[in-house]
Amino acid sequence: MELDDLYGQTHPSKVIVPDKTKAKNELLINNNDLKCLNFSKCHENDVFDRDIKHLYSKISSTERQNLQKE
């Protein structure tokens, strides 16, 4: 993903999102608006808090023990 600043300069950026995340409107991506992301098709354990812009992904006890998210 690339982000454009106020001066039109492009900057590479990486945003970690759950599998099956989709963009609702491609035009909003250019404005760095995370509200354009649609998480409705993601696993029910993945929750995005729009107010504080945090993504929560519940892990199982096995994943925690193995220190690896499946």
N, C-alpha and C. Protein backbone atom coordinates (compact mmCIF):
# COMPACT_ATOMS: atom_id res chain seq x y z
N MET A 1 0.85 -1.16 0.00
CA MET A 1 0.00 0.00 0.00
C MET A 1 0.89 1.22 0.00
N GLU A 2 0.47 2.25 -0.68
CA GLU A 2 1.20 3.51 -0.69
C GLU A 2 0.27 4.62 -0.19
N LEU A 3 0.84 5.56 0.53
CA LEU A 3 0.09 6.69 1.06
C LEU A 3 0.59 7.97 0.42
N ASP A 4 -0.33 8.86 0.08
CA ASP A 4 0.04 10.15 -0.49
C ASP A 4 -0.10 11.22 0.59
N ASP A 5 0.94 12.07 0.72
CA ASP A 5 0.86 13.13 1.71
C ASP A 5 0.20 14.37 1.10
N LEU A 6 0.13 15.43 1.87
CA LEU A 6 -0.53 16.66 1.41
C LEU A 6 0.13 17.29 0.20
N TYR A 7 1.40 16.96 -0.02
CA TYR A 7 2.15 17.54 -1.13
C TYR A 7 2.20 16.62 -2.35
N GLY A 8 1.43 15.53 -2.31
CA GLY A 8 1.38 14.61 -3.45
C GLY A 8 2.53 13.62 -3.49
N GLN A 9 3.35 13.61 -2.47
CA GLN A 9 4.46 12.66 -2.41
C GLN A 9 3.93 11.29 -1.97
N THR A 10 4.37 10.25 -2.63
CA THR A 10 3.94 8.89 -2.31
C THR A 10 4.91 8.26 -1.33
N HIS A 11 4.35 7.59 -0.32
CA HIS A 11 5.15 6.92 0.69
C HIS A 11 4.66 5.48 0.84
N PRO A 12 5.59 4.51 0.80
CA PRO A 12 5.17 3.12 1.01
C PRO A 12 4.68 2.94 2.45
N SER A 13 3.69 2.11 2.60
CA SER A 13 3.14 1.84 3.93
C SER A 13 2.64 0.42 3.97
N LYS A 14 2.69 -0.16 5.14
CA LYS A 14 2.17 -1.51 5.32
C LYS A 14 1.14 -1.48 6.43
N VAL A 15 -0.02 -2.02 6.14
CA VAL A 15 -1.09 -2.11 7.12
C VAL A 15 -1.43 -3.59 7.26
N ILE A 16 -1.35 -4.09 8.46
CA ILE A 16 -1.66 -5.49 8.69
C ILE A 16 -3.16 -5.61 8.92
N VAL A 17 -3.80 -6.43 8.09
CA VAL A 17 -5.23 -6.65 8.20
C VAL A 17 -5.50 -8.16 8.13
N PRO A 18 -6.63 -8.59 8.67
CA PRO A 18 -6.96 -10.01 8.61
C PRO A 18 -7.25 -10.47 7.18
N ASP A 19 -7.13 -11.76 6.97
CA ASP A 19 -7.46 -12.37 5.69
C ASP A 19 -8.91 -12.02 5.34
N LYS A 20 -9.19 -11.81 4.08
CA LYS A 20 -10.51 -11.49 3.53
C LYS A 20 -10.95 -10.05 3.77
N THR A 21 -10.05 -9.17 4.21
CA THR A 21 -10.37 -7.75 4.33
C THR A 21 -10.49 -7.17 2.93
N LYS A 22 -11.50 -6.37 2.70
CA LYS A 22 -11.73 -5.75 1.40
C LYS A 22 -11.81 -4.23 1.56
N ALA A 23 -11.55 -3.51 0.49
CA ALA A 23 -11.73 -2.06 0.49
C ALA A 23 -13.13 -1.76 -0.02
N LYS A 24 -13.87 -0.94 0.74
CA LYS A 24 -15.23 -0.58 0.34
C LYS A 24 -15.22 0.36 -0.85
N ASN A 25 -14.28 1.27 -0.86
CA ASN A 25 -14.22 2.28 -1.91
C ASN A 25 -12.75 2.58 -2.18
N GLU A 26 -12.29 2.24 -3.35
CA GLU A 26 -10.87 2.42 -3.69
C GLU A 26 -10.44 3.88 -3.59
N LEU A 27 -11.35 4.83 -3.80
CA LEU A 27 -10.99 6.24 -3.75
C LEU A 27 -10.58 6.66 -2.35
N LEU A 28 -11.15 6.05 -1.33
CA LEU A 28 -10.83 6.42 0.05
C LEU A 28 -9.43 5.98 0.46
N ILE A 29 -8.90 4.97 -0.20
CA ILE A 29 -7.56 4.49 0.13
C ILE A 29 -6.54 5.60 -0.07
N ASN A 30 -6.71 6.40 -1.11
CA ASN A 30 -5.77 7.48 -1.40
C ASN A 30 -5.81 8.58 -0.36
N ASN A 31 -6.84 8.61 0.45
CA ASN A 31 -6.96 9.61 1.51
C ASN A 31 -6.53 9.07 2.86
N ASN A 32 -5.93 7.89 2.87
CA ASN A 32 -5.46 7.25 4.11
C ASN A 32 -6.60 7.06 5.11
N ASP A 33 -7.78 6.79 4.63
CA ASP A 33 -8.96 6.64 5.48
C ASP A 33 -9.19 5.16 5.76
N LEU A 34 -8.90 4.73 6.98
CA LEU A 34 -9.06 3.31 7.32
C LEU A 34 -10.52 2.89 7.35
N LYS A 35 -11.44 3.85 7.35
CA LYS A 35 -12.86 3.49 7.34
C LYS A 35 -13.26 2.85 6.02
N CYS A 36 -12.38 2.90 5.02
CA CYS A 36 -12.70 2.28 3.73
C CYS A 36 -12.52 0.77 3.77
N LEU A 37 -11.97 0.26 4.86
CA LEU A 37 -11.75 -1.19 4.95
C LEU A 37 -13.00 -1.88 5.48
N ASN A 38 -13.34 -2.99 4.84
CA ASN A 38 -14.52 -3.76 5.21
C ASN A 38 -14.05 -5.09 5.80
N PHE A 39 -14.41 -5.32 7.06
CA PHE A 39 -13.99 -6.53 7.76
C PHE A 39 -15.11 -7.56 7.89
N SER A 40 -16.23 -7.34 7.21
CA SER A 40 -17.40 -8.20 7.40
C SER A 40 -17.18 -9.64 6.96
N LYS A 41 -16.26 -9.89 6.05
CA LYS A 41 -16.00 -11.26 5.58
C LYS A 41 -14.89 -11.95 6.38
N CYS A 42 -14.32 -11.24 7.35
CA CYS A 42 -13.22 -11.79 8.14
C CYS A 42 -13.75 -12.76 9.19
N HIS A 43 -12.85 -13.51 9.79
CA HIS A 43 -13.21 -14.43 10.86
C HIS A 43 -13.81 -13.64 12.02
N GLU A 44 -14.76 -14.24 12.71
CA GLU A 44 -15.46 -13.55 13.80
C GLU A 44 -14.53 -13.16 14.96
N ASN A 45 -13.36 -13.76 15.05
CA ASN A 45 -12.41 -13.41 16.11
C ASN A 45 -11.61 -12.15 15.79
N ASP A 46 -11.75 -11.63 14.56
CA ASP A 46 -11.05 -10.41 14.16
C ASP A 46 -12.02 -9.24 14.24
N VAL A 47 -11.71 -8.27 15.09
CA VAL A 47 -12.60 -7.13 15.32
C VAL A 47 -11.81 -5.83 15.17
N PHE A 48 -12.37 -4.89 14.40
CA PHE A 48 -11.74 -3.58 14.22
C PHE A 48 -12.55 -2.56 15.00
N ASP A 49 -11.88 -1.84 15.90
CA ASP A 49 -12.51 -0.78 16.68
C ASP A 49 -12.31 0.53 15.92
N ARG A 50 -13.36 1.02 15.29
CA ARG A 50 -13.27 2.23 14.45
C ARG A 50 -12.99 3.49 15.26
N ASP A 51 -13.38 3.51 16.52
CA ASP A 51 -13.16 4.71 17.33
C ASP A 51 -11.68 4.95 17.62
N ILE A 52 -10.97 3.90 17.99
CA ILE A 52 -9.55 4.06 18.33
C ILE A 52 -8.62 3.48 17.26
N LYS A 53 -9.22 2.96 16.18
CA LYS A 53 -8.48 2.43 15.02
C LYS A 53 -7.50 1.33 15.41
N HIS A 54 -8.00 0.38 16.21
CA HIS A 54 -7.22 -0.79 16.58
C HIS A 54 -7.89 -2.05 16.06
N LEU A 55 -7.08 -3.01 15.67
CA LEU A 55 -7.58 -4.29 15.22
C LEU A 55 -7.25 -5.33 16.28
N TYR A 56 -8.26 -6.07 16.68
CA TYR A 56 -8.08 -7.12 17.69
C TYR A 56 -8.30 -8.46 17.02
N SER A 57 -7.40 -9.39 17.28
CA SER A 57 -7.50 -10.72 16.73
C SER A 57 -7.33 -11.72 17.87
N LYS A 58 -8.43 -12.35 18.25
CA LYS A 58 -8.41 -13.30 19.35
C LYS A 58 -7.52 -14.49 18.99
N ILE A 59 -6.74 -14.95 19.95
CA ILE A 59 -5.89 -16.12 19.72
C ILE A 59 -6.34 -17.26 20.64
N SER A 60 -6.15 -18.46 20.18
CA SER A 60 -6.52 -19.64 20.97
C SER A 60 -5.41 -19.95 21.97
N SER A 61 -5.71 -20.79 22.92
CA SER A 61 -4.69 -21.17 23.91
C SER A 61 -3.53 -21.92 23.23
N THR A 62 -3.84 -22.70 22.19
CA THR A 62 -2.79 -23.42 21.45
C THR A 62 -1.89 -22.43 20.71
N GLU A 63 -2.48 -21.42 20.07
CA GLU A 63 -1.69 -20.41 19.38
C GLU A 63 -0.80 -19.65 20.36
N ARG A 64 -1.37 -19.37 21.51
CA ARG A 64 -0.58 -18.66 22.54
C ARG A 64 0.58 -19.52 23.01
N GLN A 65 0.32 -20.76 23.24
CA GLN A 65 1.36 -21.68 23.70
C GLN A 65 2.46 -21.82 22.64
N ASN A 66 2.07 -21.88 21.37
CA ASN A 66 3.05 -22.03 20.28
C ASN A 66 3.66 -20.70 19.84
N LEU A 67 3.15 -19.59 20.40
CA LEU A 67 3.61 -18.25 20.01
C LEU A 67 3.48 -18.01 18.52
N GLN A 68 2.36 -18.51 17.95
CA GLN A 68 2.14 -18.36 16.51
C GLN A 68 0.65 -18.31 16.22
N LYS A 69 0.23 -17.29 15.47
CA LYS A 69 -1.16 -17.15 15.06
C LYS A 69 -1.37 -17.89 13.76
N GLU A 70 -2.40 -18.72 13.70
CA GLU A 70 -2.68 -19.48 12.47
C GLU A 70 -3.46 -18.67 11.49
